[in-house]
């Protein structure tokens, strides 16, 4: 939030606010839509690993920009609510055309179809072909405008629905529960041929028809919020927590457990079997259960384990007489 609050973009968005208020707004908006807010800052500022500064800056920047664009395109963007920084990350658009999209929207009202994007100044046919599948128009009468189905595949989608005995109204009402079974019964290759697309495209179209307007992030684990663990001083050895893997390195993995400092799970504490590298078991973004081993408040170090502690025998039990 501090990186955003001191940026020219923040000053342009909130000229009357000081940096503390801009930070507060940024934090609140991250709770609403993290992706839409985080695209407003340089991805290097997010902190993607302790070795990021060892890479050539240009190579690192290009790699991170590619990851951000992949994320934006995978989620999709509502063209009627997206900011210029978010639109600029969509394949086929740049800062200039993104600004033109927002300006057109402000002057003419919400977009009512994907095809209306062709009226945006300097957004040509080629750019439209690249970006259309990633832009959503929930207000459109055409239900496919609110899916990842590209306009080039609309005819194939309509043919697929007809062959399966469905209509676009069934798509709106969520009445396609038997779609995959009907495709299987008809024969994927035969249906793909009749729709004029390949089998992979047919599967993608069918998946989008099942959940129009879906946000793939809804299927991810919900954030884990605790009110009793906010600072490192709240941690106690043996405490069980849920955390998110933030970084995987040669000797272990760093896990975000909700305090300012990430905890380290040493490679020897990841699982009971031998592993050569933590990446054999963990990936960035994994939600894991951990237990606190040690806490060093002075050095701000947190040692964690993924091995469930063995329960101690009850007092007075198993004693030699």
Protein backbone atom coordinates (compact mmCIF):
# COMPACT_ATOMS: atom_id res chain seq x y z
CA UNK A 1 0.00 0.00 0.00
CA UNK A 2 2.88 2.37 0.73
CA UNK A 3 4.32 1.83 -2.76
CA UNK A 4 0.98 2.70 -4.35
CA UNK A 5 0.27 5.68 -2.08
CA UNK A 6 3.47 7.45 -3.15
CA UNK A 7 2.97 6.77 -6.86
CA UNK A 8 1.84 9.27 -9.52
CA UNK A 9 -1.20 7.06 -10.18
CA UNK A 10 -2.37 7.38 -6.57
CA UNK A 11 -1.91 11.15 -6.73
CA UNK A 12 -4.00 11.25 -9.91
CA UNK A 13 -6.75 9.05 -8.43
CA UNK A 14 -6.90 10.82 -5.05
CA UNK A 15 -5.36 14.29 -5.41
CA UNK A 16 -7.01 15.55 -2.21
CA UNK A 17 -5.80 12.64 -0.04
CA UNK A 18 -2.49 12.40 1.78
CA UNK A 19 -0.40 9.23 1.54
CA UNK A 20 -1.91 7.64 4.66
CA UNK A 21 -5.45 7.92 3.30
CA UNK A 22 -4.34 6.62 -0.09
CA UNK A 23 -2.78 3.62 1.65
CA UNK A 24 -6.00 2.96 3.56
CA UNK A 25 -8.04 3.06 0.35
CA UNK A 26 -5.58 0.72 -1.36
CA UNK A 27 -5.78 -1.81 1.48
CA UNK A 28 -9.59 -1.72 1.41
CA UNK A 29 -9.68 -2.21 -2.35
CA UNK A 30 -7.30 -5.15 -2.08
CA UNK A 31 -9.87 -6.88 0.09
CA UNK A 32 -12.48 -6.30 -2.62
CA UNK A 33 -10.33 -7.32 -5.60
CA UNK A 34 -6.62 -7.99 -4.95
CA UNK A 35 -5.73 -8.42 -8.61
CA UNK A 36 -7.32 -5.15 -9.73
CA UNK A 37 -5.38 -3.26 -7.07
CA UNK A 38 -2.01 -5.00 -7.23
CA UNK A 39 -1.64 -4.37 -10.97
CA UNK A 40 -1.23 -0.70 -10.07
CA UNK A 41 2.23 -1.23 -8.62
CA UNK A 42 5.45 -2.60 -10.08
CA UNK A 43 5.36 -6.39 -9.51
CA UNK A 44 8.96 -6.24 -8.24
CA UNK A 45 7.66 -4.24 -5.27
CA UNK A 46 5.47 -7.14 -4.15
CA UNK A 47 8.53 -9.19 -3.20
CA UNK A 48 8.78 -12.43 -5.14
CA UNK A 49 11.72 -14.06 -3.42
CA UNK A 50 14.95 -13.29 -1.65
CA UNK A 51 16.98 -13.80 -4.82
CA UNK A 52 14.98 -11.48 -7.07
CA UNK A 53 17.64 -8.76 -6.95
CA UNK A 54 20.29 -11.20 -8.14
CA UNK A 55 18.59 -11.38 -11.54
CA UNK A 56 19.20 -8.87 -14.33
CA UNK A 57 16.55 -6.15 -13.78
CA UNK A 58 15.34 -6.22 -17.38
CA UNK A 59 14.96 -10.00 -17.41
CA UNK A 60 13.22 -9.97 -14.04
CA UNK A 61 10.85 -7.20 -15.13
CA UNK A 62 9.89 -9.01 -18.33
CA UNK A 63 9.30 -12.28 -16.50
CA UNK A 64 7.14 -10.67 -13.81
CA UNK A 65 5.16 -8.64 -16.34
CA UNK A 66 4.43 -11.86 -18.20
CA UNK A 67 3.15 -13.53 -15.04
CA UNK A 68 0.89 -10.57 -14.22
CA UNK A 69 -0.56 -10.55 -17.74
CA UNK A 70 -1.17 -14.30 -17.56
CA UNK A 71 -3.04 -13.84 -14.26
CA UNK A 72 -5.18 -11.00 -15.62
CA UNK A 73 -6.04 -12.91 -18.78
CA UNK A 74 -6.82 -16.09 -16.85
CA UNK A 75 -9.27 -14.28 -14.56
CA UNK A 76 -10.78 -11.99 -17.19
CA UNK A 77 -11.65 -8.30 -16.91
CA UNK A 78 -15.03 -6.57 -16.63
CA UNK A 79 -14.67 -3.89 -19.28
CA UNK A 80 -17.24 -1.66 -17.54
CA UNK A 81 -15.49 -1.47 -14.18
CA UNK A 82 -11.79 -2.03 -14.94
CA UNK A 83 -9.21 0.70 -14.40
CA UNK A 84 -6.61 1.74 -16.97
CA UNK A 85 -3.77 -0.20 -15.23
CA UNK A 86 -5.86 -3.38 -15.22
CA UNK A 87 -6.97 -3.05 -18.85
CA UNK A 88 -3.39 -2.32 -19.90
CA UNK A 89 -2.43 -5.82 -18.70
CA UNK A 90 -4.91 -7.49 -21.06
CA UNK A 91 -3.37 -9.16 -24.09
CA UNK A 92 -3.70 -6.90 -27.14
CA UNK A 93 -4.09 -3.67 -25.15
CA UNK A 94 -1.53 -1.15 -23.95
CA UNK A 95 -1.65 1.93 -21.74
CA UNK A 96 -2.89 4.09 -24.62
CA UNK A 97 -5.72 1.87 -25.82
CA UNK A 98 -6.68 1.08 -22.21
CA UNK A 99 -7.03 4.80 -21.52
CA UNK A 100 -9.15 5.14 -24.66
CA UNK A 101 -11.45 2.34 -23.47
CA UNK A 102 -12.03 4.09 -20.14
CA UNK A 103 -12.52 7.47 -21.83
CA UNK A 104 -15.07 6.00 -24.26
CA UNK A 105 -16.89 4.40 -21.33
CA UNK A 106 -17.02 7.67 -19.41
CA UNK A 107 -18.32 9.58 -22.43
CA UNK A 108 -20.80 7.03 -23.78
CA UNK A 109 -21.81 4.95 -20.78
CA UNK A 110 -21.28 1.25 -20.15
CA UNK A 111 -20.41 -1.08 -22.99
CA UNK A 112 -23.39 -3.20 -24.00
CA UNK A 113 -21.53 -5.70 -26.19
CA UNK A 114 -18.03 -6.84 -27.04
CA UNK A 115 -18.40 -5.62 -30.61
CA UNK A 116 -18.83 -2.07 -29.28
CA UNK A 117 -15.13 -2.14 -28.40
CA UNK A 118 -14.42 -1.66 -32.10
CA UNK A 119 -15.75 1.89 -31.73
CA UNK A 120 -12.95 2.78 -29.30
CA UNK A 121 -10.37 5.06 -30.98
CA UNK A 122 -7.14 3.28 -31.97
CA UNK A 123 -8.49 -0.14 -30.96
CA UNK A 124 -8.33 -1.87 -34.31
CA UNK A 125 -9.47 -5.25 -35.55
CA UNK A 126 -6.17 -6.97 -34.72
CA UNK A 127 -6.16 -5.63 -31.15
CA UNK A 128 -9.81 -6.65 -30.79
CA UNK A 129 -9.01 -10.19 -31.91
CA UNK A 130 -6.33 -10.43 -29.23
CA UNK A 131 -8.22 -8.88 -26.31
CA UNK A 132 -11.88 -9.80 -26.90
CA UNK A 133 -11.74 -13.21 -25.23
CA UNK A 134 -10.34 -11.72 -22.02
CA UNK A 135 -12.85 -8.87 -21.68
CA UNK A 136 -16.24 -9.51 -20.09
CA UNK A 137 -19.42 -7.49 -20.70
CA UNK A 138 -21.97 -8.59 -18.06
CA UNK A 139 -24.49 -6.02 -19.32
CA UNK A 140 -24.61 -7.54 -22.82
CA UNK A 141 -27.70 -9.30 -24.14
CA UNK A 142 -25.35 -11.87 -25.67
CA UNK A 143 -24.56 -14.28 -22.83
CA UNK A 144 -21.31 -15.34 -24.52
CA UNK A 145 -19.99 -11.79 -24.06
CA UNK A 146 -19.69 -12.63 -20.36
CA UNK A 147 -17.56 -15.73 -20.90
CA UNK A 148 -14.04 -16.52 -22.10
CA UNK A 149 -15.46 -17.77 -25.40
CA UNK A 150 -13.89 -15.69 -28.17
CA UNK A 151 -16.28 -14.05 -30.67
CA UNK A 152 -14.68 -16.20 -33.38
CA UNK A 153 -16.10 -19.25 -31.57
CA UNK A 154 -19.62 -17.92 -30.97
CA UNK A 155 -20.99 -19.81 -33.95
CA UNK A 156 -19.39 -23.02 -32.70
CA UNK A 157 -20.85 -22.45 -29.21
CA UNK A 158 -24.33 -21.90 -30.64
CA UNK A 159 -23.99 -25.04 -32.77
CA UNK A 160 -22.88 -27.03 -29.73
CA UNK A 161 -25.93 -25.88 -27.77
CA UNK A 162 -28.25 -26.78 -30.64
CA UNK A 163 -26.76 -30.26 -31.06
CA UNK A 164 -27.20 -30.88 -27.33
CA UNK A 165 -30.78 -29.58 -27.31
CA UNK A 166 -30.09 -26.40 -25.35
CA UNK A 167 -30.64 -22.67 -25.88
CA UNK A 168 -28.86 -19.55 -24.63
CA UNK A 169 -31.62 -19.16 -22.06
CA UNK A 170 -30.50 -22.48 -20.57
CA UNK A 171 -27.01 -21.01 -20.26
CA UNK A 172 -28.37 -18.00 -18.36
CA UNK A 173 -30.43 -20.15 -16.00
CA UNK A 174 -27.65 -22.65 -15.35
CA UNK A 175 -29.62 -25.48 -16.91
CA UNK A 176 -26.72 -27.28 -18.61
CA UNK A 177 -26.06 -29.93 -15.99
CA UNK A 178 -26.19 -32.71 -18.58
CA UNK A 179 -24.08 -30.88 -21.17
CA UNK A 180 -20.93 -32.97 -20.75
CA UNK A 181 -22.92 -36.21 -20.75
CA UNK A 182 -24.70 -35.22 -23.96
CA UNK A 183 -21.41 -34.31 -25.62
CA UNK A 184 -19.97 -37.66 -24.59
CA UNK A 185 -23.02 -39.52 -25.86
CA UNK A 186 -22.87 -37.68 -29.18
CA UNK A 187 -19.12 -38.18 -29.50
CA UNK A 188 -16.57 -35.44 -28.90
CA UNK A 189 -14.75 -35.76 -32.20
CA UNK A 190 -17.98 -35.92 -34.20
CA UNK A 191 -19.43 -32.89 -32.43
CA UNK A 192 -16.18 -30.92 -32.75
CA UNK A 193 -16.14 -31.62 -36.49
CA UNK A 194 -19.75 -30.47 -36.89
CA UNK A 195 -19.02 -27.32 -34.88
CA UNK A 196 -15.95 -26.61 -37.00
CA UNK A 197 -13.46 -26.61 -34.11
CA UNK A 198 -10.93 -28.95 -32.56
CA UNK A 199 -11.69 -31.14 -29.55
CA UNK A 200 -9.67 -28.93 -27.12
CA UNK A 201 -11.63 -25.85 -28.22
CA UNK A 202 -14.90 -27.75 -27.88
CA UNK A 203 -14.01 -28.67 -24.30
CA UNK A 204 -13.05 -25.08 -23.46
CA UNK A 205 -16.30 -23.74 -24.91
CA UNK A 206 -18.35 -26.33 -23.01
CA UNK A 207 -16.60 -25.43 -19.75
CA UNK A 208 -17.38 -21.74 -20.24
CA UNK A 209 -21.02 -22.43 -21.06
CA UNK A 210 -21.42 -24.26 -17.77
CA UNK A 211 -20.39 -21.22 -15.71
CA UNK A 212 -20.89 -17.95 -17.59
CA UNK A 213 -19.36 -15.00 -15.78
CA UNK A 214 -17.48 -17.25 -13.38
CA UNK A 215 -14.41 -15.97 -11.57
CA UNK A 216 -11.84 -18.79 -11.27
CA UNK A 217 -10.63 -17.24 -8.01
CA UNK A 218 -13.91 -18.25 -6.36
CA UNK A 219 -12.70 -21.86 -6.50
CA UNK A 220 -9.52 -21.08 -4.55
CA UNK A 221 -9.33 -21.53 -0.76
CA UNK A 222 -10.81 -18.60 1.14
CA UNK A 223 -8.46 -16.31 3.11
CA UNK A 224 -7.72 -17.52 6.60
CA UNK A 225 -8.34 -14.76 9.12
CA UNK A 226 -7.59 -15.03 12.84
CA UNK A 227 -8.05 -12.36 15.46
CA UNK A 228 -5.86 -14.01 18.10
CA UNK A 229 -2.67 -14.14 16.00
CA UNK A 230 -1.72 -10.71 14.69
CA UNK A 231 1.90 -10.25 15.77
CA UNK A 232 4.93 -12.42 16.35
CA UNK A 233 4.47 -12.06 20.12
CA UNK A 234 1.12 -13.87 19.82
CA UNK A 235 2.82 -17.07 18.64
CA UNK A 236 3.48 -19.92 21.03
CA UNK A 237 5.37 -23.21 20.42
CA UNK A 238 2.98 -25.99 19.49
CA UNK A 239 0.34 -23.63 18.12
CA UNK A 240 -1.45 -25.01 15.05
CA UNK A 241 -2.00 -22.57 12.19
CA UNK A 242 -3.04 -22.42 8.56
CA UNK A 243 -0.70 -20.59 6.22
CA UNK A 244 0.06 -19.86 2.58
CA UNK A 245 3.38 -20.81 0.99
CA UNK A 246 5.02 -17.59 -0.20
CA UNK A 247 8.40 -18.83 -1.37
CA UNK A 248 10.09 -22.19 -1.96
CA UNK A 249 13.88 -22.28 -1.69
CA UNK A 250 16.60 -24.95 -1.52
CA UNK A 251 16.52 -25.36 2.25
CA UNK A 252 12.80 -25.00 2.91
CA UNK A 253 9.74 -22.85 2.38
CA UNK A 254 8.51 -19.56 3.79
CA UNK A 255 4.90 -19.58 4.93
CA UNK A 256 2.65 -16.59 5.60
CA UNK A 257 0.79 -17.28 8.84
CA UNK A 258 -0.82 -13.87 9.26
CA UNK A 259 1.89 -11.96 11.11
CA UNK A 260 4.33 -9.51 9.58
CA UNK A 261 7.16 -12.06 9.31
CA UNK A 262 6.84 -15.25 7.28
CA UNK A 263 7.79 -18.44 9.08
CA UNK A 264 10.36 -20.92 7.77
CA UNK A 265 9.58 -24.60 7.36
CA UNK A 266 12.99 -26.26 7.03
CA UNK A 267 13.21 -29.01 4.41
CA UNK A 268 13.60 -31.56 7.20
CA UNK A 269 10.26 -30.44 8.67
CA UNK A 270 8.14 -30.65 5.52
CA UNK A 271 7.29 -34.34 5.55
CA UNK A 272 8.35 -37.66 7.06
CA UNK A 273 9.95 -39.03 3.89
CA UNK A 274 13.22 -37.90 2.31
CA UNK A 275 12.97 -35.20 -0.35
CA UNK A 276 15.77 -33.61 -2.36
CA UNK A 277 14.01 -30.27 -2.74
CA UNK A 278 10.94 -28.65 -1.12
CA UNK A 279 9.37 -28.16 -4.57
CA UNK A 280 8.72 -31.92 -4.66
CA UNK A 281 6.00 -31.31 -2.08
CA UNK A 282 5.22 -27.59 -2.00
CA UNK A 283 4.40 -24.86 -4.48
CA UNK A 284 3.90 -21.13 -4.02
CA UNK A 285 0.27 -20.49 -3.13
CA UNK A 286 -0.34 -23.81 -1.38
CA UNK A 287 -2.40 -23.56 1.81
CA UNK A 288 -0.81 -25.75 4.47
CA UNK A 289 -1.22 -26.66 8.12
CA UNK A 290 1.82 -25.84 10.24
CA UNK A 291 2.83 -25.95 13.88
CA UNK A 292 5.06 -23.41 15.60
CA UNK A 293 8.41 -24.88 16.67
CA UNK A 294 10.34 -21.86 17.89
CA UNK A 295 9.91 -18.10 17.98
CA UNK A 296 12.78 -15.62 18.29
CA UNK A 297 11.17 -12.21 18.77
CA UNK A 298 14.50 -10.37 18.95
CA UNK A 299 15.68 -11.66 15.57
CA UNK A 300 12.11 -11.84 14.22
CA UNK A 301 12.48 -15.47 13.22
CA UNK A 302 9.71 -18.04 13.22
CA UNK A 303 10.48 -21.74 12.89
CA UNK A 304 7.59 -23.92 11.71
CA UNK A 305 6.97 -27.59 11.04
CA UNK A 306 4.48 -29.42 8.85
CA UNK A 307 4.92 -32.60 10.87
CA UNK A 308 2.06 -33.04 13.30
CA UNK A 309 3.45 -33.09 16.85
CA UNK A 310 3.04 -36.39 18.65
CA UNK A 311 0.58 -36.08 21.50
CA UNK A 312 2.14 -36.33 24.91
CA UNK A 313 0.96 -39.05 27.30
CA UNK A 314 -1.49 -37.89 29.92
CA UNK A 315 -0.06 -36.89 33.28
CA UNK A 316 0.41 -39.92 35.50
CA UNK A 317 0.26 -42.38 32.60
CA UNK A 318 2.91 -44.84 31.37
CA UNK A 319 5.03 -44.54 34.50
CA UNK A 320 7.32 -47.33 35.62
CA UNK A 321 6.42 -48.59 39.05
